[in-house]
Amino acid sequence: MKAVLTVVGSDSVGILAEVALACAKLEINIEEVTQSILAGTFAMIMVVDLSRCTVDFEAAQASLAAAGVKKGVEVKMTRRELYDTMHRI
């Protein structure tokens, strides 16, 4: 299953590393990533593959959100199908 991970919050050192480490611990593969810093706000979108993830989707969401809290950012993960449907014009 594919998912879209969004990360938003005040910029600080190590946000990308913390989120990537959390993904690696869960065997979530990061396939695409884009990030930007806009007026001091860190914004990142990742497309991830959960086909080898070691926990269910909800547990992965909670673990990634906790990694975000650790860095002071909000991390949300949405199933790719739902994300695509929500953003279709």
PDB file of N, CA and C in Angstrom:
ATOM      1  N   MET A   1       0.842  -1.170   0.000  1.00  0.00           N
ATOM      2  CA  MET A   1       0.000   0.000   0.000  1.00  0.00           C
ATOM      3  C   MET A   1       0.890   1.238   0.000  1.00  0.00           C
ATOM      4  N   LYS A   2       0.466   2.248  -0.743  1.00  0.00           N
ATOM      5  CA  LYS A   2       1.169   3.525  -0.774  1.00  0.00           C
ATOM      6  C   LYS A   2       0.430   4.512   0.122  1.00  0.00           C
ATOM      7  N   ALA A   3       1.186   5.477   0.637  1.00  0.00           N
ATOM      8  CA  ALA A   3       0.597   6.518   1.464  1.00  0.00           C
ATOM      9  C   ALA A   3       1.340   7.822   1.224  1.00  0.00           C
ATOM     10  N   VAL A   4       0.695   8.915   1.603  1.00  0.00           N
ATOM     11  CA  VAL A   4       1.305  10.233   1.522  1.00  0.00           C
ATOM     12  C   VAL A   4       1.513  10.727   2.945  1.00  0.00           C
ATOM     13  N   LEU A   5       2.727  11.126   3.218  1.00  0.00           N
ATOM     14  CA  LEU A   5       3.118  11.615   4.540  1.00  0.00           C
ATOM     15  C   LEU A   5       3.360  13.116   4.424  1.00  0.00           C
ATOM     16  N   THR A   6       2.731  13.900   5.270  1.00  0.00           N
ATOM     17  CA  THR A   6       2.967  15.338   5.273  1.00  0.00           C
ATOM     18  C   THR A   6       3.556  15.738   6.620  1.00  0.00           C
ATOM     19  N   VAL A   7       4.494  16.661   6.566  1.00  0.00           N
ATOM     20  CA  VAL A   7       5.177  17.144   7.768  1.00  0.00           C
ATOM     21  C   VAL A   7       5.199  18.667   7.703  1.00  0.00           C
ATOM     22  N   VAL A   8       4.672  19.317   8.731  1.00  0.00           N
ATOM     23  CA  VAL A   8       4.629  20.785   8.763  1.00  0.00           C
ATOM     24  C   VAL A   8       4.941  21.260  10.171  1.00  0.00           C
ATOM     25  N   GLY A   9       5.749  22.311  10.271  1.00  0.00           N
ATOM     26  CA  GLY A   9       6.044  22.905  11.567  1.00  0.00           C
ATOM     27  C   GLY A   9       7.208  23.869  11.475  1.00  0.00           C
ATOM     28  N   SER A  10       7.573  24.426  12.590  1.00  0.00           N
ATOM     29  CA  SER A  10       8.709  25.342  12.630  1.00  0.00           C
ATOM     30  C   SER A  10       9.979  24.595  12.261  1.00  0.00           C
ATOM     31  N   ASP A  11      10.796  25.228  11.439  1.00  0.00           N
ATOM     32  CA  ASP A  11      12.028  24.595  10.976  1.00  0.00           C
ATOM     33  C   ASP A  11      13.020  24.402  12.116  1.00  0.00           C
ATOM     34  N   SER A  12      13.688  23.266  12.109  1.00  0.00           N
ATOM     35  CA  SER A  12      14.772  22.991  13.050  1.00  0.00           C
ATOM     36  C   SER A  12      15.650  21.896  12.442  1.00  0.00           C
ATOM     37  N   VAL A  13      16.811  21.745  12.968  1.00  0.00           N
ATOM     38  CA  VAL A  13      17.756  20.738  12.480  1.00  0.00           C
ATOM     39  C   VAL A  13      17.237  19.337  12.789  1.00  0.00           C
ATOM     40  N   GLY A  14      17.284  18.441  11.793  1.00  0.00           N
ATOM     41  CA  GLY A  14      17.017  17.030  12.024  1.00  0.00           C
ATOM     42  C   GLY A  14      15.599  16.539  11.782  1.00  0.00           C
ATOM     43  N   ILE A  15      14.718  17.384  11.266  1.00  0.00           N
ATOM     44  CA  ILE A  15      13.337  16.937  11.047  1.00  0.00           C
ATOM     45  C   ILE A  15      13.301  15.793  10.033  1.00  0.00           C
ATOM     46  N   LEU A  16      13.923  16.003   8.887  1.00  0.00           N
ATOM     47  CA  LEU A  16      13.942  14.965   7.855  1.00  0.00           C
ATOM     48  C   LEU A  16      14.563  13.677   8.399  1.00  0.00           C
ATOM     49  N   ALA A  17      15.650  13.806   9.129  1.00  0.00           N
ATOM     50  CA  ALA A  17      16.330  12.630   9.690  1.00  0.00           C
ATOM     51  C   ALA A  17      15.425  11.885  10.669  1.00  0.00           C
ATOM     52  N   GLU A  18      14.725  12.607  11.517  1.00  0.00           N
ATOM     53  CA  GLU A  18      13.850  11.974  12.515  1.00  0.00           C
ATOM     54  C   GLU A  18      12.700  11.219  11.849  1.00  0.00           C
ATOM     55  N   VAL A  19      12.087  11.830  10.847  1.00  0.00           N
ATOM     56  CA  VAL A  19      10.977  11.176  10.146  1.00  0.00           C
ATOM     57  C   VAL A  19      11.488   9.974   9.353  1.00  0.00           C
ATOM     58  N   ALA A  20      12.622  10.115   8.685  1.00  0.00           N
ATOM     59  CA  ALA A  20      13.199   8.999   7.929  1.00  0.00           C
ATOM     60  C   ALA A  20      13.566   7.840   8.855  1.00  0.00           C
ATOM     61  N   LEU A  21      14.116   8.139  10.014  1.00  0.00           N
ATOM     62  CA  LEU A  21      14.459   7.096  10.986  1.00  0.00           C
ATOM     63  C   LEU A  21      13.207   6.371  11.475  1.00  0.00           C
ATOM     64  N   ALA A  22      12.142   7.134  11.745  1.00  0.00           N
ATOM     65  CA  ALA A  22      10.884   6.521  12.180  1.00  0.00           C
ATOM     66  C   ALA A  22      10.340   5.595  11.092  1.00  0.00           C
ATOM     67  N   CYS A  23      10.439   6.018   9.831  1.00  0.00           N
ATOM     68  CA  CYS A  23      10.006   5.169   8.715  1.00  0.00           C
ATOM     69  C   CYS A  23      10.853   3.898   8.645  1.00  0.00           C
ATOM     70  N   ALA A  24      12.157   4.054   8.749  1.00  0.00           N
ATOM     71  CA  ALA A  24      13.059   2.900   8.667  1.00  0.00           C
ATOM     72  C   ALA A  24      12.775   1.880   9.763  1.00  0.00           C
ATOM     73  N   LYS A  25      12.510   2.350  10.964  1.00  0.00           N
ATOM     74  CA  LYS A  25      12.221   1.432  12.078  1.00  0.00           C
ATOM     75  C   LYS A  25      10.970   0.604  11.821  1.00  0.00           C
ATOM     76  N   LEU A  26      10.043   1.139  11.017  1.00  0.00           N
ATOM     77  CA  LEU A  26       8.793   0.439  10.704  1.00  0.00           C
ATOM     78  C   LEU A  26       8.850  -0.294   9.369  1.00  0.00           C
ATOM     79  N   GLU A  27      10.025  -0.273   8.709  1.00  0.00           N
ATOM     80  CA  GLU A  27      10.194  -0.880   7.379  1.00  0.00           C
ATOM     81  C   GLU A  27       9.308  -0.194   6.343  1.00  0.00           C
ATOM     82  N   ILE A  28       9.115   1.114   6.483  1.00  0.00           N
ATOM     83  CA  ILE A  28       8.382   1.915   5.503  1.00  0.00           C
ATOM     84  C   ILE A  28       9.409   2.496   4.544  1.00  0.00           C
ATOM     85  N   ASN A  29       9.222   2.232   3.252  1.00  0.00           N
ATOM     86  CA  ASN A  29      10.157   2.707   2.239  1.00  0.00           C
ATOM     87  C   ASN A  29       9.729   4.087   1.724  1.00  0.00           C
ATOM     88  N   ILE A  30      10.643   5.040   1.764  1.00  0.00           N
ATOM     89  CA  ILE A  30      10.378   6.376   1.234  1.00  0.00           C
ATOM     90  C   ILE A  30      10.698   6.344  -0.257  1.00  0.00           C
ATOM     91  N   GLU A  31       9.685   6.599  -1.089  1.00  0.00           N
ATOM     92  CA  GLU A  31       9.865   6.540  -2.541  1.00  0.00           C
ATOM     93  C   GLU A  31      10.107   7.912  -3.158  1.00  0.00           C
ATOM     94  N   GLU A  32       9.447   8.928  -2.643  1.00  0.00           N
ATOM     95  CA  GLU A  32       9.617  10.291  -3.154  1.00  0.00           C
ATOM     96  C   GLU A  32       9.538  11.250  -1.979  1.00  0.00           C
ATOM     97  N   VAL A  33      10.297  12.339  -2.085  1.00  0.00           N
ATOM     98  CA  VAL A  33      10.242  13.341  -1.025  1.00  0.00           C
ATOM     99  C   VAL A  33      10.509  14.716  -1.620  1.00  0.00           C
ATOM    100  N   THR A  34       9.769  15.687  -1.142  1.00  0.00           N
ATOM    101  CA  THR A  34      10.026  17.075  -1.484  1.00  0.00           C
ATOM    102  C   THR A  34       9.852  17.878  -0.199  1.00  0.00           C
ATOM    103  N   GLN A  35      10.690  18.867  -0.041  1.00  0.00           N
ATOM    104  CA  GLN A  35      10.605  19.688   1.162  1.00  0.00           C
ATOM    105  C   GLN A  35      10.926  21.125   0.820  1.00  0.00           C
ATOM    106  N   SER A  36      10.441  22.006   1.659  1.00  0.00           N
ATOM    107  CA  SER A  36      10.702  23.424   1.467  1.00  0.00           C
ATOM    108  C   SER A  36      10.622  24.105   2.818  1.00  0.00           C
ATOM    109  N   ILE A  37      11.290  25.227   2.916  1.00  0.00           N
ATOM    110  CA  ILE A  37      11.189  26.048   4.120  1.00  0.00           C
ATOM    111  C   ILE A  37      10.632  27.384   3.668  1.00  0.00           C
ATOM    112  N   LEU A  38       9.459  27.715   4.162  1.00  0.00           N
ATOM    113  CA  LEU A  38       8.756  28.920   3.782  1.00  0.00           C
ATOM    114  C   LEU A  38       8.622  29.828   4.994  1.00  0.00           C
ATOM    115  N   ALA A  39       9.350  30.931   5.003  1.00  0.00           N
ATOM    116  CA  ALA A  39       9.297  31.893   6.104  1.00  0.00           C
ATOM    117  C   ALA A  39       9.468  31.207   7.465  1.00  0.00           C
ATOM    118  N   GLY A  40      10.426  30.282   7.545  1.00  0.00           N
ATOM    119  CA  GLY A  40      10.705  29.605   8.807  1.00  0.00           C
ATOM    120  C   GLY A  40       9.837  28.400   9.089  1.00  0.00           C
ATOM    121  N   THR A  41       8.901  28.092   8.188  1.00  0.00           N
ATOM    122  CA  THR A  41       8.036  26.917   8.357  1.00  0.00           C
ATOM    123  C   THR A  41       8.529  25.798   7.457  1.00  0.00           C
ATOM    124  N   PHE A  42       8.808  24.656   8.056  1.00  0.00           N
ATOM    125  CA  PHE A  42       9.247  23.469   7.335  1.00  0.00           C
ATOM    126  C   PHE A  42       8.018  22.769   6.776  1.00  0.00           C
ATOM    127  N   ALA A  43       8.047  22.421   5.491  1.00  0.00           N
ATOM    128  CA  ALA A  43       6.953  21.693   4.856  1.00  0.00           C
ATOM    129  C   ALA A  43       7.545  20.569   4.015  1.00  0.00           C
ATOM    130  N   MET A  44       7.053  19.349   4.218  1.00  0.00           N
ATOM    131  CA  MET A  44       7.578  18.197   3.492  1.00  0.00           C
ATOM    132  C   MET A  44       6.435  17.263   3.121  1.00  0.00           C
ATOM    133  N   ILE A  45       6.531  16.698   1.931  1.00  0.00           N
ATOM    134  CA  ILE A  45       5.590  15.671   1.487  1.00  0.00           C
ATOM    135  C   ILE A  45       6.409  14.472   1.039  1.00  0.00           C
ATOM    136  N   MET A  46       6.012  13.293   1.502  1.00  0.00           N
ATOM    137  CA  MET A  46       6.662  12.052   1.110  1.00  0.00           C
ATOM    138  C   MET A  46       5.625  11.086   0.554  1.00  0.00           C
ATOM    139  N   VAL A  47       6.012  10.339  -0.461  1.00  0.00           N
ATOM    140  CA  VAL A  47       5.224   9.192  -0.901  1.00  0.00           C
ATOM    141  C   VAL A  47       5.964   7.979  -0.366  1.00  0.00           C
ATOM    142  N   VAL A  48       5.251   7.150   0.385  1.00  0.00           N
ATOM    143  CA  VAL A  48       5.881   6.001   1.043  1.00  0.00           C
ATOM    144  C   VAL A  48       5.172   4.704   0.654  1.00  0.00           C
ATOM    145  N   ASP A  49       5.911   3.615   0.756  1.00  0.00           N
ATOM    146  CA  ASP A  49       5.390   2.281   0.476  1.00  0.00           C
ATOM    147  C   ASP A  49       5.356   1.508   1.790  1.00  0.00           C
ATOM    148  N   LEU A  50       4.165   1.062   2.158  1.00  0.00           N
ATOM    149  CA  LEU A  50       3.992   0.337   3.412  1.00  0.00           C
ATOM    150  C   LEU A  50       3.881  -1.178   3.221  1.00  0.00           C
ATOM    151  N   SER A  51       4.240  -1.692   2.054  1.00  0.00           N
ATOM    152  CA  SER A  51       4.040  -3.121   1.779  1.00  0.00           C
ATOM    153  C   SER A  51       4.833  -4.029   2.719  1.00  0.00           C
ATOM    154  N   ARG A  52       5.933  -3.524   3.282  1.00  0.00           N
ATOM    155  CA  ARG A  52       6.721  -4.334   4.234  1.00  0.00           C
ATOM    156  C   ARG A  52       6.630  -3.799   5.661  1.00  0.00           C
ATOM    157  N   CYS A  53       5.729  -2.881   5.908  1.00  0.00           N
ATOM    158  CA  CYS A  53       5.602  -2.271   7.234  1.00  0.00           C
ATOM    159  C   CYS A  53       5.330  -3.338   8.296  1.00  0.00           C
ATOM    160  N   THR A  54       5.961  -3.179   9.443  1.00  0.00           N
ATOM    161  CA  THR A  54       5.895  -4.193  10.497  1.00  0.00           C
ATOM    162  C   THR A  54       4.693  -4.049  11.431  1.00  0.00           C
ATOM    163  N   VAL A  55       3.896  -2.976  11.248  1.00  0.00           N
ATOM    164  CA  VAL A  55       2.703  -2.754  12.079  1.00  0.00           C
ATOM    165  C   VAL A  55       1.543  -2.367  11.162  1.00  0.00           C
ATOM    166  N   ASP A  56       0.320  -2.347  11.715  1.00  0.00           N
ATOM    167  CA  ASP A  56      -0.815  -1.944  10.885  1.00  0.00           C
ATOM    168  C   ASP A  56      -0.793  -0.428  10.643  1.00  0.00           C
ATOM    169  N   PHE A  57      -1.649   0.027   9.740  1.00  0.00           N
ATOM    170  CA  PHE A  57      -1.643   1.421   9.303  1.00  0.00           C
ATOM    171  C   PHE A  57      -1.827   2.388  10.464  1.00  0.00           C
ATOM    172  N   GLU A  58      -2.779   2.122  11.329  1.00  0.00           N
ATOM    173  CA  GLU A  58      -3.061   3.017  12.446  1.00  0.00           C
ATOM    174  C   GLU A  58      -1.881   3.111  13.419  1.00  0.00           C
ATOM    175  N   ALA A  59      -1.229   1.993  13.670  1.00  0.00           N
ATOM    176  CA  ALA A  59      -0.055   2.004  14.552  1.00  0.00           C
ATOM    177  C   ALA A  59       1.093   2.775  13.905  1.00  0.00           C
ATOM    178  N   ALA A  60       1.250   2.637  12.591  1.00  0.00           N
ATOM    179  CA  ALA A  60       2.284   3.388  11.874  1.00  0.00           C
ATOM    180  C   ALA A  60       1.988   4.888  11.945  1.00  0.00           C
ATOM    181  N   GLN A  61       0.724   5.257  11.749  1.00  0.00           N
ATOM    182  CA  GLN A  61       0.329   6.670  11.864  1.00  0.00           C
ATOM    183  C   GLN A  61       0.711   7.218  13.237  1.00  0.00           C
ATOM    184  N   ALA A  62       0.386   6.486  14.272  1.00  0.00           N
ATOM    185  CA  ALA A  62       0.666   6.928  15.640  1.00  0.00           C
ATOM    186  C   ALA A  62       2.165   7.046  15.893  1.00  0.00           C
ATOM    187  N   SER A  63       2.933   6.102  15.406  1.00  0.00           N
ATOM    188  CA  SER A  63       4.379   6.125  15.604  1.00  0.00           C
ATOM    189  C   SER A  63       5.018   7.313  14.885  1.00  0.00           C
ATOM    190  N   LEU A  64       4.579   7.583  13.661  1.00  0.00           N
ATOM    191  CA  LEU A  64       5.112   8.709  12.905  1.00  0.00           C
ATOM    192  C   LEU A  64       4.687  10.038  13.519  1.00  0.00           C
ATOM    193  N   ALA A  65       3.459  10.104  14.000  1.00  0.00           N
ATOM    194  CA  ALA A  65       2.997  11.318  14.673  1.00  0.00           C
ATOM    195  C   ALA A  65       3.830  11.579  15.933  1.00  0.00           C
ATOM    196  N   ALA A  66       4.166  10.526  16.660  1.00  0.00           N
ATOM    197  CA  ALA A  66       4.997  10.662  17.861  1.00  0.00           C
ATOM    198  C   ALA A  66       6.399  11.154  17.506  1.00  0.00           C
ATOM    199  N   ALA A  67       6.942  10.691  16.395  1.00  0.00           N
ATOM    200  CA  ALA A  67       8.254  11.176  15.940  1.00  0.00           C
ATOM    201  C   ALA A  67       8.169  12.667  15.634  1.00  0.00           C
ATOM    202  N   GLY A  68       7.053  13.087  15.070  1.00  0.00           N
ATOM    203  CA  GLY A  68       6.855  14.505  14.797  1.00  0.00           C
ATOM    204  C   GLY A  68       6.795  15.330  16.062  1.00  0.00           C
ATOM    205  N   VAL A  69       6.072  14.841  17.041  1.00  0.00           N
ATOM    206  CA  VAL A  69       5.977  15.543  18.324  1.00  0.00           C
ATOM    207  C   VAL A  69       7.368  15.731  18.921  1.00  0.00           C
ATOM    208  N   LYS A  70       8.186  14.721  18.795  1.00  0.00           N
ATOM    209  CA  LYS A  70       9.558  14.771  19.307  1.00  0.00           C
ATOM    210  C   LYS A  70      10.348  15.923  18.688  1.00  0.00           C
ATOM    211  N   LYS A  71      10.053  16.250  17.408  1.00  0.00           N
ATOM    212  CA  LYS A  71      10.744  17.333  16.706  1.00  0.00           C
ATOM    213  C   LYS A  71       9.923  18.622  16.642  1.00  0.00           C
ATOM    214  N   GLY A  72       8.732  18.614  17.227  1.00  0.00           N
ATOM    215  CA  GLY A  72       7.907  19.821  17.249  1.00  0.00           C
ATOM    216  C   GLY A  72       7.197  20.112  15.938  1.00  0.00           C
ATOM    217  N   VAL A  73       6.918  19.067  15.154  1.00  0.00           N
ATOM    218  CA  VAL A  73       6.199  19.223  13.896  1.00  0.00           C
ATOM    219  C   VAL A  73       5.002  18.284  13.866  1.00  0.00           C
ATOM    220  N   GLU A  74       4.071  18.559  12.949  1.00  0.00           N
ATOM    221  CA  GLU A  74       2.900  17.699  12.784  1.00  0.00           C
ATOM    222  C   GLU A  74       3.153  16.756  11.613  1.00  0.00           C
ATOM    223  N   VAL A  75       3.019  15.464  11.877  1.00  0.00           N
ATOM    224  CA  VAL A  75       3.198  14.444  10.836  1.00  0.00           C
ATOM    225  C   VAL A  75       1.866  13.724  10.656  1.00  0.00           C
ATOM    226  N   LYS A  76       1.386  13.710   9.416  1.00  0.00           N
ATOM    227  CA  LYS A  76       0.139  13.011   9.099  1.00  0.00           C
ATOM    228  C   LYS A  76       0.383  12.069   7.942  1.00  0.00           C
ATOM    229  N   MET A  77      -0.213  10.888   8.015  1.00  0.00           N
ATOM    230  CA  MET A  77      -0.098   9.913   6.940  1.00  0.00           C
ATOM    231  C   MET A  77      -1.501   9.560   6.460  1.00  0.00           C
ATOM    232  N   THR A  78      -1.692   9.617   5.132  1.00  0.00           N
ATOM    233  CA  THR A  78      -2.980   9.328   4.509  1.00  0.00           C
ATOM    234  C   THR A  78      -2.770   8.278   3.431  1.00  0.00           C
ATOM    235  N   ARG A  79      -3.683   7.306   3.366  1.00  0.00           N
ATOM    236  CA  ARG A  79      -3.602   6.305   2.293  1.00  0.00           C
ATOM    237  C   ARG A  79      -3.604   7.028   0.948  1.00  0.00           C
ATOM    238  N   ARG A  80      -2.801   6.558   0.016  1.00  0.00           N
ATOM    239  CA  ARG A  80      -2.644   7.226  -1.276  1.00  0.00           C
ATOM    240  C   ARG A  80      -3.973   7.350  -2.023  1.00  0.00           C
ATOM    241  N   GLU A  81      -4.795   6.302  -1.983  1.00  0.00           N
ATOM    242  CA  GLU A  81      -6.075   6.349  -2.693  1.00  0.00           C
ATOM    243  C   GLU A  81      -6.959   7.467  -2.141  1.00  0.00           C
ATOM    244  N   LEU A  82      -6.992   7.600  -0.826  1.00  0.00           N
ATOM    245  CA  LEU A  82      -7.798   8.643  -0.189  1.00  0.00           C
ATOM    246  C   LEU A  82      -7.230  10.020  -0.505  1.00  0.00           C
ATOM    247  N   TYR A  83      -5.918  10.159  -0.447  1.00  0.00           N
ATOM    248  CA  TYR A  83      -5.264  11.431  -0.761  1.00  0.00           C
ATOM    249  C   TYR A  83      -5.581  11.852  -2.193  1.00  0.00           C
ATOM    250  N   ASP A  84      -5.470  10.914  -3.136  1.00  0.00           N
ATOM    251  CA  ASP A  84      -5.756  11.215  -4.539  1.00  0.00           C
ATOM    252  C   ASP A  84      -7.208  11.627  -4.728  1.00  0.00           C
ATOM    253  N   THR A  85      -8.127  10.936  -4.064  1.00  0.00           N
ATOM    254  CA  THR A  85      -9.547  11.250  -4.168  1.00  0.00           C
ATOM    255  C   THR A  85      -9.844  12.637  -3.584  1.00  0.00           C
ATOM    256  N   MET A  86      -9.224  12.964  -2.460  1.00  0.00           N
ATOM    257  CA  MET A  86      -9.462  14.254  -1.809  1.00  0.00           C
ATOM    258  C   MET A  86      -8.951  15.419  -2.657  1.00  0.00           C
ATOM    259  N   HIS A  87      -7.929  15.172  -3.470  1.00  0.00           N
ATOM    260  CA  HIS A  87      -7.303  16.260  -4.231  1.00  0.00           C
ATOM    261  C   HIS A  87      -7.637  16.225  -5.722  1.00  0.00           C
ATOM    262  N   ARG A  88      -8.636  15.464  -6.084  1.00  0.00           N
ATOM    263  CA  ARG A  88      -9.091  15.414  -7.468  1.00  0.00           C
ATOM    264  C   ARG A  88     -10.070  16.555  -7.699  1.00  0.00           C
ATOM    265  N   ILE A  89      -9.908  17.241  -8.786  1.00  0.00           N
ATOM    266  CA  ILE A  89     -10.788  18.380  -9.088  1.00  0.00           C
ATOM    267  C   ILE A  89     -12.050  17.892  -9.776  1.00  0.00           C
TER     268      ILE A  89
END
